[in-house]
PDB file of all heavy atoms in Angstrom:
ATOM      1  N   ASP A   1     103.545 248.256  21.126  1.00  0.00           N
ATOM      2  CA  ASP A   1     102.230 247.995  20.621  1.00  0.00           C
ATOM      3  C   ASP A   1     102.128 247.992  19.066  1.00  0.00           C
ATOM      4  O   ASP A   1     101.085 247.854  18.528  1.00  0.00           O
ATOM      5  CB  ASP A   1     101.198 248.916  21.227  1.00  0.00           C
ATOM      6  CG  ASP A   1     101.257 250.334  20.650  1.00  0.00           C
ATOM      7  OD1 ASP A   1     102.418 250.739  20.317  1.00  0.00           O
ATOM      8  OD2 ASP A   1     100.229 250.957  20.576  1.00  0.00           O
ATOM      9  N   GLU A   2     103.295 248.257  18.440  1.00  0.00           N
ATOM     10  CA  GLU A   2     103.361 248.257  17.025  1.00  0.00           C
ATOM     11  C   GLU A   2     104.626 247.505  16.585  1.00  0.00           C
ATOM     12  O   GLU A   2     105.665 247.707  17.219  1.00  0.00           O
ATOM     13  CB  GLU A   2     103.548 249.663  16.383  1.00  0.00           C
ATOM     14  CG  GLU A   2     102.190 250.399  16.316  1.00  0.00           C
ATOM     15  CD  GLU A   2     101.275 249.883  15.243  1.00  0.00           C
ATOM     16  OE1 GLU A   2     101.790 249.336  14.197  1.00  0.00           O
ATOM     17  OE2 GLU A   2     100.092 250.126  15.287  1.00  0.00           O
ATOM     18  N   PRO A   3     104.607 246.716  15.581  1.00  0.00           N
ATOM     19  CA  PRO A   3     105.828 246.074  15.057  1.00  0.00           C
ATOM     20  C   PRO A   3     106.767 247.171  14.506  1.00  0.00           C
ATOM     21  O   PRO A   3     106.393 248.230  14.108  1.00  0.00           O
ATOM     22  CB  PRO A   3     105.358 245.147  13.960  1.00  0.00           C
ATOM     23  CG  PRO A   3     103.930 245.117  14.082  1.00  0.00           C
ATOM     24  CD  PRO A   3     103.460 246.244  14.763  1.00  0.00           C
ATOM     25  N   PHE A   4     108.075 246.819  14.427  1.00  0.00           N
ATOM     26  CA  PHE A   4     109.128 247.684  13.888  1.00  0.00           C
ATOM     27  C   PHE A   4     108.718 247.988  12.450  1.00  0.00           C
ATOM     28  O   PHE A   4     108.444 247.108  11.606  1.00  0.00           O
ATOM     29  CB  PHE A   4     110.422 247.005  13.929  1.00  0.00           C
ATOM     30  CG  PHE A   4     111.536 247.850  13.338  1.00  0.00           C
ATOM     31  CD1 PHE A   4     111.809 249.113  13.835  1.00  0.00           C
ATOM     32  CD2 PHE A   4     112.331 247.335  12.281  1.00  0.00           C
ATOM     33  CE1 PHE A   4     112.842 249.945  13.184  1.00  0.00           C
ATOM     34  CE2 PHE A   4     113.279 248.099  11.732  1.00  0.00           C
ATOM     35  CZ  PHE A   4     113.516 249.425  12.201  1.00  0.00           C
ATOM     36  N   ALA A   5     108.685 249.165  12.073  1.00  0.00           N
ATOM     37  CA  ALA A   5     108.368 249.731  10.677  1.00  0.00           C
ATOM     38  C   ALA A   5     109.368 250.682  10.276  1.00  0.00           C
ATOM     39  O   ALA A   5     109.338 251.919  10.470  1.00  0.00           O
ATOM     40  CB  ALA A   5     106.949 250.340  10.717  1.00  0.00           C
ATOM     41  N   PRO A   6     110.485 250.214   9.628  1.00  0.00           N
ATOM     42  CA  PRO A   6     111.639 251.008   9.203  1.00  0.00           C
ATOM     43  C   PRO A   6     111.223 252.245   8.380  1.00  0.00           C
ATOM     44  O   PRO A   6     111.877 253.317   8.455  1.00  0.00           O
ATOM     45  CB  PRO A   6     112.537 250.151   8.545  1.00  0.00           C
ATOM     46  CG  PRO A   6     111.860 248.907   8.348  1.00  0.00           C
ATOM     47  CD  PRO A   6     110.665 248.837   9.161  1.00  0.00           C
ATOM     48  N   ASP A   7     110.217 252.163   7.586  1.00  0.00           N
ATOM     49  CA  ASP A   7     109.835 253.283   6.686  1.00  0.00           C
ATOM     50  C   ASP A   7     109.164 254.410   7.542  1.00  0.00           C
ATOM     51  O   ASP A   7     109.062 255.506   7.084  1.00  0.00           O
ATOM     52  CB  ASP A   7     108.818 252.835   5.662  1.00  0.00           C
ATOM     53  CG  ASP A   7     109.497 251.904   4.591  1.00  0.00           C
ATOM     54  OD1 ASP A   7     110.761 251.967   4.481  1.00  0.00           O
ATOM     55  OD2 ASP A   7     108.761 251.229   3.938  1.00  0.00           O
ATOM     56  N   PHE A   8     108.834 254.142   8.829  1.00  0.00           N
ATOM     57  CA  PHE A   8     108.261 255.176   9.678  1.00  0.00           C
ATOM     58  C   PHE A   8     109.182 255.514  10.841  1.00  0.00           C
ATOM     59  O   PHE A   8     108.752 256.199  11.732  1.00  0.00           O
ATOM     60  CB  PHE A   8     106.883 254.700  10.211  1.00  0.00           C
ATOM     61  CG  PHE A   8     105.932 254.469   9.107  1.00  0.00           C
ATOM     62  CD1 PHE A   8     105.795 253.309   8.381  1.00  0.00           C
ATOM     63  CD2 PHE A   8     104.980 255.552   8.755  1.00  0.00           C
ATOM     64  CE1 PHE A   8     104.838 253.240   7.290  1.00  0.00           C
ATOM     65  CE2 PHE A   8     104.072 255.390   7.698  1.00  0.00           C
ATOM     66  CZ  PHE A   8     103.987 254.237   7.074  1.00  0.00           C
ATOM     67  N   GLU A   9     110.331 255.100  10.712  1.00  0.00           N
ATOM     68  CA  GLU A   9     111.285 255.321  11.929  1.00  0.00           C
ATOM     69  C   GLU A   9     112.037 256.634  11.719  1.00  0.00           C
ATOM     70  O   GLU A   9     112.432 257.025  10.589  1.00  0.00           O
ATOM     71  CB  GLU A   9     112.345 254.236  11.993  1.00  0.00           C
ATOM     72  CG  GLU A   9     113.292 254.337  13.102  1.00  0.00           C
ATOM     73  CD  GLU A   9     114.328 253.285  13.123  1.00  0.00           C
ATOM     74  OE1 GLU A   9     114.811 252.814  12.011  1.00  0.00           O
ATOM     75  OE2 GLU A   9     114.839 252.957  14.208  1.00  0.00           O
ATOM     76  N   ARG A  10     112.254 257.335  12.766  1.00  0.00           N
ATOM     77  CA  ARG A  10     113.073 258.478  12.830  1.00  0.00           C
ATOM     78  C   ARG A  10     113.994 258.395  14.073  1.00  0.00           C
ATOM     79  O   ARG A  10     113.779 257.508  14.988  1.00  0.00           O
ATOM     80  CB  ARG A  10     112.204 259.736  12.984  1.00  0.00           C
ATOM     81  CG  ARG A  10     111.401 260.143  11.783  1.00  0.00           C
ATOM     82  CD  ARG A  10     112.349 260.660  10.734  1.00  0.00           C
ATOM     83  NE  ARG A  10     111.481 261.139   9.561  1.00  0.00           N
ATOM     84  CZ  ARG A  10     111.039 260.439   8.539  1.00  0.00           C
ATOM     85  NH1 ARG A  10     111.270 259.111   8.490  1.00  0.00           N
ATOM     86  NH2 ARG A  10     110.399 260.981   7.487  1.00  0.00           N
ATOM     87  N   GLY A  11     114.979 259.296  14.152  1.00  0.00           N
ATOM     88  CA  GLY A  11     115.830 259.384  15.299  1.00  0.00           C
ATOM     89  C   GLY A  11     116.297 260.786  15.550  1.00  0.00           C
ATOM     90  O   GLY A  11     116.419 261.565  14.593  1.00  0.00           O
ATOM     91  N   LEU A  12     116.605 261.017  16.797  1.00  0.00           N
ATOM     92  CA  LEU A  12     117.211 262.354  17.178  1.00  0.00           C
ATOM     93  C   LEU A  12     118.578 261.991  17.572  1.00  0.00           C
ATOM     94  O   LEU A  12     118.940 260.952  18.329  1.00  0.00           O
ATOM     95  CB  LEU A  12     116.374 262.952  18.405  1.00  0.00           C
ATOM     96  CG  LEU A  12     114.902 263.262  18.143  1.00  0.00           C
ATOM     97  CD1 LEU A  12     114.326 263.797  19.442  1.00  0.00           C
ATOM     98  CD2 LEU A  12     114.810 264.296  17.069  1.00  0.00           C
ATOM     99  N   ARG A  13     119.530 262.942  17.324  1.00  0.00           N
ATOM    100  CA  ARG A  13     120.935 262.753  17.762  1.00  0.00           C
ATOM    101  C   ARG A  13     120.966 262.898  19.255  1.00  0.00           C
ATOM    102  O   ARG A  13     120.415 263.799  19.857  1.00  0.00           O
ATOM    103  CB  ARG A  13     121.874 263.725  17.076  1.00  0.00           C
ATOM    104  CG  ARG A  13     123.366 263.354  17.239  1.00  0.00           C
ATOM    105  CD  ARG A  13     124.196 264.062  16.219  1.00  0.00           C
ATOM    106  NE  ARG A  13     124.035 265.483  16.255  1.00  0.00           N
ATOM    107  CZ  ARG A  13     124.736 266.294  17.075  1.00  0.00           C
ATOM    108  NH1 ARG A  13     125.446 265.840  18.032  1.00  0.00           N
ATOM    109  NH2 ARG A  13     124.480 267.613  16.929  1.00  0.00           N
ATOM    110  N   TRP A  14     121.619 261.935  19.955  1.00  0.00           N
ATOM    111  CA  TRP A  14     121.774 261.795  21.389  1.00  0.00           C
ATOM    112  C   TRP A  14     122.371 263.029  22.055  1.00  0.00           C
ATOM    113  O   TRP A  14     122.007 263.287  23.165  1.00  0.00           O
ATOM    114  CB  TRP A  14     122.575 260.550  21.694  1.00  0.00           C
ATOM    115  CG  TRP A  14     124.032 260.690  21.324  1.00  0.00           C
ATOM    116  CD1 TRP A  14     124.502 260.391  20.089  1.00  0.00           C
ATOM    117  CD2 TRP A  14     125.111 261.079  22.147  1.00  0.00           C
ATOM    118  NE1 TRP A  14     125.864 260.647  20.069  1.00  0.00           N
ATOM    119  CE2 TRP A  14     126.250 260.975  21.302  1.00  0.00           C
ATOM    120  CE3 TRP A  14     125.245 261.489  23.476  1.00  0.00           C
ATOM    121  CZ2 TRP A  14     127.529 261.347  21.796  1.00  0.00           C
ATOM    122  CZ3 TRP A  14     126.478 261.844  23.921  1.00  0.00           C
ATOM    123  CH2 TRP A  14     127.604 261.753  23.060  1.00  0.00           C
ATOM    124  N   ASN A  15     123.206 263.796  21.278  1.00  0.00           N
ATOM    125  CA  ASN A  15     123.851 264.930  21.898  1.00  0.00           C
ATOM    126  C   ASN A  15     123.408 266.288  21.241  1.00  0.00           C
ATOM    127  O   ASN A  15     124.241 267.250  21.253  1.00  0.00           O
ATOM    128  CB  ASN A  15     125.339 264.793  21.937  1.00  0.00           C
ATOM    129  CG  ASN A  15     125.921 264.557  20.574  1.00  0.00           C
ATOM    130  OD1 ASN A  15     125.256 264.418  19.609  1.00  0.00           O
ATOM    131  ND2 ASN A  15     127.303 264.549  20.524  1.00  0.00           N
ATOM    132  N   ASP A  16     122.255 266.311  20.664  1.00  0.00           N
ATOM    133  CA  ASP A  16     121.755 267.459  19.957  1.00  0.00           C
ATOM    134  C   ASP A  16     121.677 268.588  21.079  1.00  0.00           C
ATOM    135  O   ASP A  16     121.022 268.376  22.038  1.00  0.00           O
ATOM    136  CB  ASP A  16     120.445 267.201  19.349  1.00  0.00           C
ATOM    137  CG  ASP A  16     119.757 268.384  18.605  1.00  0.00           C
ATOM    138  OD1 ASP A  16     120.154 269.479  18.866  1.00  0.00           O
ATOM    139  OD2 ASP A  16     118.867 268.105  17.900  1.00  0.00           O
ATOM    140  N   PRO A  17     122.332 269.674  20.816  1.00  0.00           N
ATOM    141  CA  PRO A  17     122.291 270.759  21.834  1.00  0.00           C
ATOM    142  C   PRO A  17     120.819 271.305  22.069  1.00  0.00           C
ATOM    143  O   PRO A  17     120.622 271.818  23.145  1.00  0.00           O
ATOM    144  CB  PRO A  17     123.111 271.939  21.233  1.00  0.00           C
ATOM    145  CG  PRO A  17     123.814 271.356  20.073  1.00  0.00           C
ATOM    146  CD  PRO A  17     123.200 270.076  19.719  1.00  0.00           C
ATOM    147  N   ALA A  18     119.991 271.207  21.089  1.00  0.00           N
ATOM    148  CA  ALA A  18     118.657 271.749  21.235  1.00  0.00           C
ATOM    149  C   ALA A  18     117.895 270.889  22.362  1.00  0.00           C
ATOM    150  O   ALA A  18     116.877 271.399  22.886  1.00  0.00           O
ATOM    151  CB  ALA A  18     117.846 271.626  19.921  1.00  0.00           C
ATOM    152  N   LEU A  19     118.252 269.688  22.565  1.00  0.00           N
ATOM    153  CA  LEU A  19     117.652 268.783  23.545  1.00  0.00           C
ATOM    154  C   LEU A  19     118.230 269.010  24.895  1.00  0.00           C
ATOM    155  O   LEU A  19     117.483 268.910  25.956  1.00  0.00           O
ATOM    156  CB  LEU A  19     117.725 267.383  23.100  1.00  0.00           C
ATOM    157  CG  LEU A  19     117.173 267.035  21.787  1.00  0.00           C
ATOM    158  CD1 LEU A  19     117.387 265.536  21.459  1.00  0.00           C
ATOM    159  CD2 LEU A  19     115.729 267.374  21.654  1.00  0.00           C
ATOM    160  N   GLY A  20     119.519 269.249  25.019  1.00  0.00           N
ATOM    161  CA  GLY A  20     120.157 269.449  26.312  1.00  0.00           C
ATOM    162  C   GLY A  20     120.138 268.283  27.297  1.00  0.00           C
ATOM    163  O   GLY A  20     120.173 268.507  28.507  1.00  0.00           O
ATOM    164  N   ILE A  21     120.193 267.091  26.768  1.00  0.00           N
ATOM    165  CA  ILE A  21     120.240 265.964  27.607  1.00  0.00           C
ATOM    166  C   ILE A  21     121.615 265.722  28.250  1.00  0.00           C
ATOM    167  O   ILE A  21     122.572 265.795  27.509  1.00  0.00           O
ATOM    168  CB  ILE A  21     119.851 264.637  26.875  1.00  0.00           C
ATOM    169  CG1 ILE A  21     118.429 264.742  26.292  1.00  0.00           C
ATOM    170  CG2 ILE A  21     119.953 263.432  27.740  1.00  0.00           C
ATOM    171  CD1 ILE A  21     117.994 263.727  25.261  1.00  0.00           C
ATOM    172  N   ARG A  22     121.666 265.642  29.521  1.00  0.00           N
ATOM    173  CA  ARG A  22     122.949 265.366  30.260  1.00  0.00           C
ATOM    174  C   ARG A  22     123.045 263.882  30.571  1.00  0.00           C
ATOM    175  O   ARG A  22     122.457 263.411  31.495  1.00  0.00           O
ATOM    176  CB  ARG A  22     122.966 266.211  31.489  1.00  0.00           C
ATOM    177  CG  ARG A  22     122.928 267.703  31.223  1.00  0.00           C
ATOM    178  CD  ARG A  22     122.848 268.490  32.445  1.00  0.00           C
ATOM    179  NE  ARG A  22     124.138 268.953  32.804  1.00  0.00           N
ATOM    180  CZ  ARG A  22     124.333 269.949  33.590  1.00  0.00           C
ATOM    181  NH1 ARG A  22     123.347 270.631  34.079  1.00  0.00           N
ATOM    182  NH2 ARG A  22     125.606 270.301  33.811  1.00  0.00           N
ATOM    183  N   TRP A  23     123.870 263.188  29.759  1.00  0.00           N
ATOM    184  CA  TRP A  23     124.119 261.762  29.990  1.00  0.00           C
ATOM    185  C   TRP A  23     125.071 261.651  31.138  1.00  0.00           C
ATOM    186  O   TRP A  23     126.098 262.307  31.185  1.00  0.00           O
ATOM    187  CB  TRP A  23     124.639 261.132  28.697  1.00  0.00           C
ATOM    188  CG  TRP A  23     123.639 261.270  27.498  1.00  0.00           C
ATOM    189  CD1 TRP A  23     123.711 262.251  26.532  1.00  0.00           C
ATOM    190  CD2 TRP A  23     122.488 260.545  27.407  1.00  0.00           C
ATOM    191  NE1 TRP A  23     122.612 262.126  25.802  1.00  0.00           N
ATOM    192  CE2 TRP A  23     121.890 261.037  26.176  1.00  0.00           C
ATOM    193  CE3 TRP A  23     121.909 259.451  27.986  1.00  0.00           C
ATOM    194  CZ2 TRP A  23     120.646 260.566  25.615  1.00  0.00           C
ATOM    195  CZ3 TRP A  23     120.686 258.921  27.429  1.00  0.00           C
ATOM    196  CH2 TRP A  23     120.135 259.442  26.247  1.00  0.00           C
ATOM    197  N   PRO A  24     124.864 260.717  32.088  1.00  0.00           N
ATOM    198  CA  PRO A  24     125.647 260.608  33.338  1.00  0.00           C
ATOM    199  C   PRO A  24     126.921 259.972  33.177  1.00  0.00           C
ATOM    200  O   PRO A  24     127.852 260.068  34.057  1.00  0.00           O
ATOM    201  CB  PRO A  24     124.701 259.880  34.310  1.00  0.00           C
ATOM    202  CG  PRO A  24     123.939 259.015  33.349  1.00  0.00           C
ATOM    203  CD  PRO A  24     123.756 259.805  32.126  1.00  0.00           C
TER     204      PRO A  24
END
């Protein structure tokens, strides 16, 4: 619902231990 706005973009590291995501 919003165009890509690189100045407002952020990212989280996919394997950040604080998130605890288990990729299959």
